[in-house]
PDB file of N, CA and C in Angstrom:
ATOM      1  N   MET A   1       0.004 -12.213 -11.308  1.00  0.00           N
ATOM      2  CA  MET A   1       0.852 -11.369 -10.486  1.00  0.00           C
ATOM      3  C   MET A   1      -0.027 -10.364  -9.747  1.00  0.00           C
ATOM      4  N   ILE A   2       0.264 -10.172  -8.499  1.00  0.00           N
ATOM      5  CA  ILE A   2      -0.482  -9.209  -7.701  1.00  0.00           C
ATOM      6  C   ILE A   2       0.392  -7.973  -7.496  1.00  0.00           C
ATOM      7  N   LYS A   3      -0.159  -6.826  -7.825  1.00  0.00           N
ATOM      8  CA  LYS A   3       0.547  -5.554  -7.701  1.00  0.00           C
ATOM      9  C   LYS A   3      -0.076  -4.754  -6.562  1.00  0.00           C
ATOM     10  N   ILE A   4       0.763  -4.148  -5.752  1.00  0.00           N
ATOM     11  CA  ILE A   4       0.293  -3.288  -4.674  1.00  0.00           C
ATOM     12  C   ILE A   4       0.364  -1.845  -5.187  1.00  0.00           C
ATOM     13  N   LYS A   5      -0.762  -1.168  -5.193  1.00  0.00           N
ATOM     14  CA  LYS A   5      -0.872   0.149  -5.815  1.00  0.00           C
ATOM     15  C   LYS A   5      -0.718   1.292  -4.813  1.00  0.00           C
ATOM     16  N   LEU A   6       0.211   1.147  -3.888  1.00  0.00           N
ATOM     17  CA  LEU A   6       0.382   2.169  -2.847  1.00  0.00           C
ATOM     18  C   LEU A   6       0.873   3.492  -3.420  1.00  0.00           C
ATOM     19  N   ARG A   7       1.803   3.441  -4.355  1.00  0.00           N
ATOM     20  CA  ARG A   7       2.324   4.683  -4.943  1.00  0.00           C
ATOM     21  C   ARG A   7       1.184   5.501  -5.556  1.00  0.00           C
ATOM     22  N   GLN A   8       0.281   4.828  -6.274  1.00  0.00           N
ATOM     23  CA  GLN A   8      -0.844   5.520  -6.913  1.00  0.00           C
ATOM     24  C   GLN A   8      -1.809   6.075  -5.865  1.00  0.00           C
ATOM     25  N   LEU A   9      -2.038   5.314  -4.800  1.00  0.00           N
ATOM     26  CA  LEU A   9      -2.924   5.803  -3.732  1.00  0.00           C
ATOM     27  C   LEU A   9      -2.350   7.059  -3.071  1.00  0.00           C
ATOM     28  N   LEU A  10      -1.051   7.060  -2.847  1.00  0.00           N
ATOM     29  CA  LEU A  10      -0.420   8.247  -2.267  1.00  0.00           C
ATOM     30  C   LEU A  10      -0.632   9.453  -3.174  1.00  0.00           C
ATOM     31  N   TRP A  11      -0.396   9.253  -4.459  1.00  0.00           N
ATOM     32  CA  TRP A  11      -0.558  10.331  -5.437  1.00  0.00           C
ATOM     33  C   TRP A  11      -2.005  10.814  -5.482  1.00  0.00           C
ATOM     34  N   ASP A  12      -2.937   9.863  -5.604  1.00  0.00           N
ATOM     35  CA  ASP A  12      -4.363  10.205  -5.729  1.00  0.00           C
ATOM     36  C   ASP A  12      -4.897  10.935  -4.499  1.00  0.00           C
ATOM     37  N   ASN A  13      -4.336  10.619  -3.342  1.00  0.00           N
ATOM     38  CA  ASN A  13      -4.814  11.212  -2.083  1.00  0.00           C
ATOM     39  C   ASN A  13      -3.932  12.357  -1.593  1.00  0.00           C
ATOM     40  N   ASP A  14      -2.983  12.759  -2.420  1.00  0.00           N
ATOM     41  CA  ASP A  14      -2.100  13.882  -2.097  1.00  0.00           C
ATOM     42  C   ASP A  14      -1.530  13.746  -0.682  1.00  0.00           C
ATOM     43  N   THR A  15      -0.922  12.587  -0.435  1.00  0.00           N
ATOM     44  CA  THR A  15      -0.326  12.329   0.871  1.00  0.00           C
ATOM     45  C   THR A  15       1.054  11.714   0.680  1.00  0.00           C
ATOM     46  N   THR A  16       1.715  11.447   1.786  1.00  0.00           N
ATOM     47  CA  THR A  16       3.067  10.905   1.739  1.00  0.00           C
ATOM     48  C   THR A  16       3.162   9.610   2.540  1.00  0.00           C
ATOM     49  N   ALA A  17       4.233   8.879   2.290  1.00  0.00           N
ATOM     50  CA  ALA A  17       4.482   7.671   3.069  1.00  0.00           C
ATOM     51  C   ALA A  17       4.700   8.030   4.540  1.00  0.00           C
ATOM     52  N   ALA A  18       5.303   9.177   4.786  1.00  0.00           N
ATOM     53  CA  ALA A  18       5.527   9.609   6.176  1.00  0.00           C
ATOM     54  C   ALA A  18       4.199   9.826   6.897  1.00  0.00           C
ATOM     55  N   ALA A  19       3.232  10.403   6.213  1.00  0.00           N
ATOM     56  CA  ALA A  19       1.916  10.618   6.820  1.00  0.00           C
ATOM     57  C   ALA A  19       1.218   9.281   7.087  1.00  0.00           C
ATOM     58  N   VAL A  20       1.361   8.346   6.160  1.00  0.00           N
ATOM     59  CA  VAL A  20       0.768   7.013   6.355  1.00  0.00           C
ATOM     60  C   VAL A  20       1.439   6.334   7.544  1.00  0.00           C
ATOM     61  N   HIS A  21       2.750   6.430   7.621  1.00  0.00           N
ATOM     62  CA  HIS A  21       3.499   5.853   8.742  1.00  0.00           C
ATOM     63  C   HIS A  21       3.010   6.412  10.079  1.00  0.00           C
ATOM     64  N   ARG A  22       2.905   7.735  10.168  1.00  0.00           N
ATOM     65  CA  ARG A  22       2.466   8.363  11.425  1.00  0.00           C
ATOM     66  C   ARG A  22       1.050   7.940  11.813  1.00  0.00           C
ATOM     67  N   ALA A  23       0.168   7.817  10.833  1.00  0.00           N
ATOM     68  CA  ALA A  23      -1.235   7.505  11.126  1.00  0.00           C
ATOM     69  C   ALA A  23      -1.481   6.023  11.382  1.00  0.00           C
ATOM     70  N   THR A  24      -0.693   5.152  10.759  1.00  0.00           N
ATOM     71  CA  THR A  24      -0.980   3.719  10.837  1.00  0.00           C
ATOM     72  C   THR A  24       0.006   2.932  11.684  1.00  0.00           C
ATOM     73  N   GLY A  25       1.202   3.471  11.863  1.00  0.00           N
ATOM     74  CA  GLY A  25       2.236   2.733  12.579  1.00  0.00           C
ATOM     75  C   GLY A  25       2.980   1.740  11.694  1.00  0.00           C
ATOM     76  N   ILE A  26       2.644   1.684  10.412  1.00  0.00           N
ATOM     77  CA  ILE A  26       3.382   0.819   9.491  1.00  0.00           C
ATOM     78  C   ILE A  26       4.787   1.401   9.339  1.00  0.00           C
ATOM     79  N   SER A  27       5.763   0.575   9.469  1.00  0.00           N
ATOM     80  CA  SER A  27       7.156   1.020   9.383  1.00  0.00           C
ATOM     81  C   SER A  27       7.423   1.765   8.081  1.00  0.00           C
ATOM     82  N   SER A  28       8.171   2.842   8.181  1.00  0.00           N
ATOM     83  CA  SER A  28       8.487   3.621   6.987  1.00  0.00           C
ATOM     84  C   SER A  28       9.337   2.819   6.011  1.00  0.00           C
ATOM     85  N   SER A  29      10.160   1.912   6.508  1.00  0.00           N
ATOM     86  CA  SER A  29      10.968   1.083   5.610  1.00  0.00           C
ATOM     87  C   SER A  29      10.090   0.095   4.840  1.00  0.00           C
ATOM     88  N   ILE A  30       9.078  -0.448   5.493  1.00  0.00           N
ATOM     89  CA  ILE A  30       8.145  -1.344   4.800  1.00  0.00           C
ATOM     90  C   ILE A  30       7.370  -0.569   3.748  1.00  0.00           C
ATOM     91  N   LEU A  31       6.895   0.611   4.095  1.00  0.00           N
ATOM     92  CA  LEU A  31       6.163   1.427   3.112  1.00  0.00           C
ATOM     93  C   LEU A  31       7.051   1.745   1.910  1.00  0.00           C
ATOM     94  N   SER A  32       8.294   2.087   2.158  1.00  0.00           N
ATOM     95  CA  SER A  32       9.223   2.391   1.076  1.00  0.00           C
ATOM     96  C   SER A  32       9.424   1.176   0.172  1.00  0.00           C
ATOM     97  N   GLU A  33       9.596   0.009   0.769  1.00  0.00           N
ATOM     98  CA  GLU A  33       9.778  -1.215  -0.012  1.00  0.00           C
ATOM     99  C   GLU A  33       8.547  -1.515  -0.859  1.00  0.00           C
ATOM    100  N   ILE A  34       7.365  -1.290  -0.314  1.00  0.00           N
ATOM    101  CA  ILE A  34       6.131  -1.515  -1.074  1.00  0.00           C
ATOM    102  C   ILE A  34       6.054  -0.537  -2.240  1.00  0.00           C
ATOM    103  N   ILE A  35       6.315   0.720  -1.979  1.00  0.00           N
ATOM    104  CA  ILE A  35       6.241   1.753  -3.015  1.00  0.00           C
ATOM    105  C   ILE A  35       7.201   1.454  -4.164  1.00  0.00           C
ATOM    106  N   HIS A  36       8.388   0.959  -3.840  1.00  0.00           N
ATOM    107  CA  HIS A  36       9.409   0.704  -4.850  1.00  0.00           C
ATOM    108  C   HIS A  36       9.401  -0.734  -5.366  1.00  0.00           C
ATOM    109  N   ASN A  37       8.311  -1.461  -5.089  1.00  0.00           N
ATOM    110  CA  ASN A  37       8.131  -2.843  -5.567  1.00  0.00           C
ATOM    111  C   ASN A  37       9.255  -3.783  -5.137  1.00  0.00           C
ATOM    112  N   LYS A  38       9.819  -3.540  -3.970  1.00  0.00           N
ATOM    113  CA  LYS A  38      10.858  -4.412  -3.443  1.00  0.00           C
ATOM    114  C   LYS A  38      10.298  -5.393  -2.418  1.00  0.00           C
ATOM    115  N   ARG A  39       9.062  -5.194  -2.036  1.00  0.00           N
ATOM    116  CA  ARG A  39       8.407  -6.086  -1.077  1.00  0.00           C
ATOM    117  C   ARG A  39       7.142  -6.625  -1.730  1.00  0.00           C
ATOM    118  N   THR A  40       7.084  -7.946  -1.869  1.00  0.00           N
ATOM    119  CA  THR A  40       5.901  -8.560  -2.468  1.00  0.00           C
ATOM    120  C   THR A  40       5.075  -9.323  -1.438  1.00  0.00           C
ATOM    121  N   ASN A  41       5.660  -9.613  -0.296  1.00  0.00           N
ATOM    122  CA  ASN A  41       4.955 -10.339   0.744  1.00  0.00           C
ATOM    123  C   ASN A  41       4.480  -9.345   1.805  1.00  0.00           C
ATOM    124  N   VAL A  42       3.209  -8.981   1.714  1.00  0.00           N
ATOM    125  CA  VAL A  42       2.636  -8.000   2.640  1.00  0.00           C
ATOM    126  C   VAL A  42       1.509  -8.674   3.412  1.00  0.00           C
ATOM    127  N   GLY A  43       1.561  -8.581   4.716  1.00  0.00           N
ATOM    128  CA  GLY A  43       0.551  -9.201   5.553  1.00  0.00           C
ATOM    129  C   GLY A  43      -0.802  -8.508   5.469  1.00  0.00           C
ATOM    130  N   LEU A  44      -1.823  -9.269   5.790  1.00  0.00           N
ATOM    131  CA  LEU A  44      -3.175  -8.716   5.764  1.00  0.00           C
ATOM    132  C   LEU A  44      -3.359  -7.595   6.778  1.00  0.00           C
ATOM    133  N   ASP A  45      -2.579  -7.604   7.853  1.00  0.00           N
ATOM    134  CA  ASP A  45      -2.667  -6.524   8.828  1.00  0.00           C
ATOM    135  C   ASP A  45      -2.263  -5.192   8.197  1.00  0.00           C
ATOM    136  N   ILE A  46      -1.255  -5.215   7.339  1.00  0.00           N
ATOM    137  CA  ILE A  46      -0.835  -3.990   6.651  1.00  0.00           C
ATOM    138  C   ILE A  46      -1.875  -3.562   5.635  1.00  0.00           C
ATOM    139  N   ILE A  47      -2.397  -4.522   4.871  1.00  0.00           N
ATOM    140  CA  ILE A  47      -3.447  -4.204   3.893  1.00  0.00           C
ATOM    141  C   ILE A  47      -4.660  -3.613   4.610  1.00  0.00           C
ATOM    142  N   ASN A  48      -5.016  -4.177   5.750  1.00  0.00           N
ATOM    143  CA  ASN A  48      -6.150  -3.679   6.526  1.00  0.00           C
ATOM    144  C   ASN A  48      -5.912  -2.236   6.983  1.00  0.00           C
ATOM    145  N   LYS A  49      -4.717  -1.948   7.488  1.00  0.00           N
ATOM    146  CA  LYS A  49      -4.401  -0.584   7.931  1.00  0.00           C
ATOM    147  C   LYS A  49      -4.451   0.399   6.764  1.00  0.00           C
ATOM    148  N   LEU A  50      -3.977  -0.031   5.594  1.00  0.00           N
ATOM    149  CA  LEU A  50      -4.015   0.842   4.420  1.00  0.00           C
ATOM    150  C   LEU A  50      -5.455   1.098   3.976  1.00  0.00           C
ATOM    151  N   CYS A  51      -6.292   0.063   4.012  1.00  0.00           N
ATOM    152  CA  CYS A  51      -7.704   0.238   3.663  1.00  0.00           C
ATOM    153  C   CYS A  51      -8.378   1.236   4.606  1.00  0.00           C
ATOM    154  N   ILE A  52      -8.085   1.136   5.877  1.00  0.00           N
ATOM    155  CA  ILE A  52      -8.670   2.054   6.853  1.00  0.00           C
ATOM    156  C   ILE A  52      -8.150   3.471   6.613  1.00  0.00           C
ATOM    157  N   TYR A  53      -6.840   3.608   6.429  1.00  0.00           N
ATOM    158  CA  TYR A  53      -6.252   4.931   6.240  1.00  0.00           C
ATOM    159  C   TYR A  53      -6.814   5.622   4.999  1.00  0.00           C
ATOM    160  N   PHE A  54      -6.872   4.897   3.882  1.00  0.00           N
ATOM    161  CA  PHE A  54      -7.331   5.490   2.629  1.00  0.00           C
ATOM    162  C   PHE A  54      -8.848   5.407   2.453  1.00  0.00           C
ATOM    163  N   ASN A  55      -9.532   4.769   3.427  1.00  0.00           N
ATOM    164  CA  ASN A  55     -10.980   4.601   3.350  1.00  0.00           C
ATOM    165  C   ASN A  55     -11.367   4.004   1.999  1.00  0.00           C
ATOM    166  N   CYS A  56     -10.760   2.845   1.704  1.00  0.00           N
ATOM    167  CA  CYS A  56     -10.970   2.237   0.401  1.00  0.00           C
ATOM    168  C   CYS A  56     -11.171   0.729   0.539  1.00  0.00           C
ATOM    169  N   ASP A  57     -11.474   0.110  -0.584  1.00  0.00           N
ATOM    170  CA  ASP A  57     -11.619  -1.348  -0.642  1.00  0.00           C
ATOM    171  C   ASP A  57     -10.268  -1.975  -0.959  1.00  0.00           C
ATOM    172  N   ILE A  58     -10.155  -3.249  -0.678  1.00  0.00           N
ATOM    173  CA  ILE A  58      -8.911  -3.959  -0.951  1.00  0.00           C
ATOM    174  C   ILE A  58      -8.559  -3.909  -2.443  1.00  0.00           C
ATOM    175  N   SER A  59      -9.567  -3.868  -3.298  1.00  0.00           N
ATOM    176  CA  SER A  59      -9.315  -3.811  -4.746  1.00  0.00           C
ATOM    177  C   SER A  59      -8.693  -2.474  -5.165  1.00  0.00           C
ATOM    178  N   ASP A  60      -8.785  -1.465  -4.308  1.00  0.00           N
ATOM    179  CA  ASP A  60      -8.127  -0.188  -4.588  1.00  0.00           C
ATOM    180  C   ASP A  60      -6.630  -0.248  -4.271  1.00  0.00           C
ATOM    181  N   ILE A  61      -6.243  -1.255  -3.504  1.00  0.00           N
ATOM    182  CA  ILE A  61      -4.849  -1.409  -3.096  1.00  0.00           C
ATOM    183  C   ILE A  61      -4.146  -2.506  -3.888  1.00  0.00           C
ATOM    184  N   LEU A  62      -4.856  -3.597  -4.134  1.00  0.00           N
ATOM    185  CA  LEU A  62      -4.256  -4.734  -4.829  1.00  0.00           C
ATOM    186  C   LEU A  62      -4.854  -4.901  -6.215  1.00  0.00           C
ATOM    187  N   GLU A  63      -4.006  -5.279  -7.177  1.00  0.00           N
ATOM    188  CA  GLU A  63      -4.463  -5.504  -8.550  1.00  0.00           C
ATOM    189  C   GLU A  63      -3.867  -6.820  -9.041  1.00  0.00           C
ATOM    190  N   PHE A  64      -4.713  -7.689  -9.575  1.00  0.00           N
ATOM    191  CA  PHE A  64      -4.260  -8.975 -10.092  1.00  0.00           C
ATOM    192  C   PHE A  64      -4.230  -8.935 -11.619  1.00  0.00           C
ATOM    193  N   THR A  65      -3.109  -9.360 -12.185  1.00  0.00           N
ATOM    194  CA  THR A  65      -3.004  -9.513 -13.635  1.00  0.00           C
ATOM    195  C   THR A  65      -2.415 -10.891 -13.917  1.00  0.00           C
ATOM    196  N   LYS A  66      -2.938 -11.533 -14.924  1.00  0.00           N
ATOM    197  CA  LYS A  66      -2.436 -12.855 -15.297  1.00  0.00           C
ATOM    198  C   LYS A  66      -1.073 -12.740 -15.950  1.00  0.00           C
ATOM    199  N   GLU A  67      -0.206 -13.667 -15.612  1.00  0.00           N
ATOM    200  CA  GLU A  67       1.109 -13.716 -16.225  1.00  0.00           C
ATOM    201  C   GLU A  67       1.035 -14.619 -17.450  1.00  0.00           C
ATOM    202  N   ASN A  68       1.757 -14.257 -18.476  1.00  0.00           N
ATOM    203  CA  ASN A  68       1.768 -15.085 -19.704  1.00  0.00           C
ATOM    204  C   ASN A  68       2.789 -16.176 -19.634  1.00  0.00           C
TER     205      ASN A  68
END
């Protein structure tokens, strides 16, 4: 299972989804769905924008865990 760690990134960087939306152009509804684990299909364009915004690696955004 792949988990998107956007909520943790927001917390760690003391920022908001609204600030990410304004800086990246990612829809606020998409950001909300990601934060609340309601969206599992996220395009690489969004991951790329998040990496640029947070100045981080993809592994800081995505986490893979094996399912039993």
